[in-house]
Protein backbone atom coordinates (compact mmCIF):
# COMPACT_ATOMS: atom_id res chain seq x y z
CA UNK A 1 0.00 0.00 0.00
CA UNK A 2 1.32 3.41 -0.94
CA UNK A 3 1.52 6.16 1.69
CA UNK A 4 -0.57 9.16 0.63
CA UNK A 5 -2.31 11.94 2.52
CA UNK A 6 -5.01 10.39 4.71
CA UNK A 7 -3.18 7.08 5.18
CA UNK A 8 -3.18 5.61 8.69
CA UNK A 9 0.35 4.49 9.55
CA UNK A 10 2.12 2.59 12.30
CA UNK A 11 5.40 4.07 13.50
CA UNK A 12 8.14 1.45 13.37
CA UNK A 13 11.07 3.38 14.88
CA UNK A 14 11.86 6.09 17.39
CA UNK A 15 10.31 7.12 20.70
CA UNK A 16 6.85 6.94 19.11
CA UNK A 17 7.32 3.29 18.00
CA UNK A 18 4.03 1.33 17.70
CA UNK A 19 2.01 4.55 17.65
CA UNK A 20 -0.85 4.99 15.20
CA UNK A 21 -0.87 8.24 13.23
CA UNK A 22 -2.47 9.81 10.17
CA UNK A 23 -0.41 11.29 7.34
CA UNK A 24 -1.55 14.88 6.94
CA UNK A 25 1.02 15.98 4.39
CA UNK A 26 4.57 15.68 3.12
CA UNK A 27 7.64 17.75 3.93
CA UNK A 28 9.63 16.43 0.97
CA UNK A 29 10.12 13.19 -0.96
CA UNK A 30 11.40 11.22 2.03
CA UNK A 31 9.46 12.71 4.98
CA UNK A 32 5.77 12.64 5.92
CA UNK A 33 3.99 14.92 8.38
CA UNK A 34 2.04 12.82 10.87
CA UNK A 35 -0.43 13.64 13.67
CA UNK A 36 -2.67 11.71 16.04
CA UNK A 37 -4.76 14.51 17.56
CA UNK A 38 -3.45 13.86 21.08
CA UNK A 39 0.34 13.83 21.45
CA UNK A 40 0.94 15.28 17.98
CA UNK A 41 -1.61 17.91 17.07
CA UNK A 42 -2.62 18.98 13.59
CA UNK A 43 -1.09 22.39 14.32
CA UNK A 44 2.32 20.83 15.06
CA UNK A 45 2.73 17.55 13.15
CA UNK A 46 5.80 15.32 13.45
CA UNK A 47 8.18 15.03 10.50
CA UNK A 48 8.96 11.31 10.07
CA UNK A 49 10.92 9.39 7.44
CA UNK A 50 8.72 7.28 5.18
CA UNK A 51 10.91 4.22 5.72
CA UNK A 52 9.95 4.28 9.43
CA UNK A 53 6.21 4.16 8.68
CA UNK A 54 4.05 1.16 7.82
CA UNK A 55 0.62 1.81 6.22
CA UNK A 56 -2.30 0.04 7.90
CA UNK A 57 -5.34 1.72 6.36
CA UNK A 58 -6.97 4.83 4.96
CA UNK A 59 -9.04 7.43 6.79
CA UNK A 60 -12.43 7.56 5.13
CA UNK A 61 -13.07 11.23 5.84
CA UNK A 62 -9.85 13.23 5.77
CA UNK A 63 -10.54 16.89 5.16
CA UNK A 64 -8.49 20.06 5.64
CA UNK A 65 -10.87 21.47 8.27
CA UNK A 66 -10.63 18.38 10.48
CA UNK A 67 -10.08 19.03 14.19
CA UNK A 68 -7.79 17.19 16.59
CA UNK A 69 -10.83 15.68 18.29
CA UNK A 70 -12.18 14.30 14.99
CA UNK A 71 -8.76 12.90 14.07
CA UNK A 72 -8.34 11.20 17.44
CA UNK A 73 -11.79 9.63 17.15
CA UNK A 74 -11.11 8.40 13.61
CA UNK A 75 -7.80 6.79 14.64
CA UNK A 76 -9.47 4.89 17.50
CA UNK A 77 -11.00 2.64 14.84
CA UNK A 78 -7.54 1.23 14.09
CA UNK A 79 -5.81 -1.08 16.55
CA UNK A 80 -2.07 -1.60 17.03
CA UNK A 81 -2.11 -4.91 15.14
CA UNK A 82 -2.73 -3.14 11.85
CA UNK A 83 -6.39 -3.92 11.30
CA UNK A 84 -9.58 -2.00 11.71
CA UNK A 85 -10.96 -2.18 15.19
CA UNK A 86 -14.34 -1.50 16.73
């Protein structure tokens, strides 16, 4: 699966290892901007190398006016094992 804006990813390296995030943009060809709405807010996303991210799904409703609360709620549907949860 290709990593595009709106992809739900699992962090595979760093202090945020095993965290579930949404890709909200790209800094350049090798870095994605990720946020989870709790530790990493949409206003201050984390810059992470693409090779340290593993795609696990796609957010169905990713829009530019999304709030941190909406993002956090949408990511709760994905569990740490890489599948869709509740």
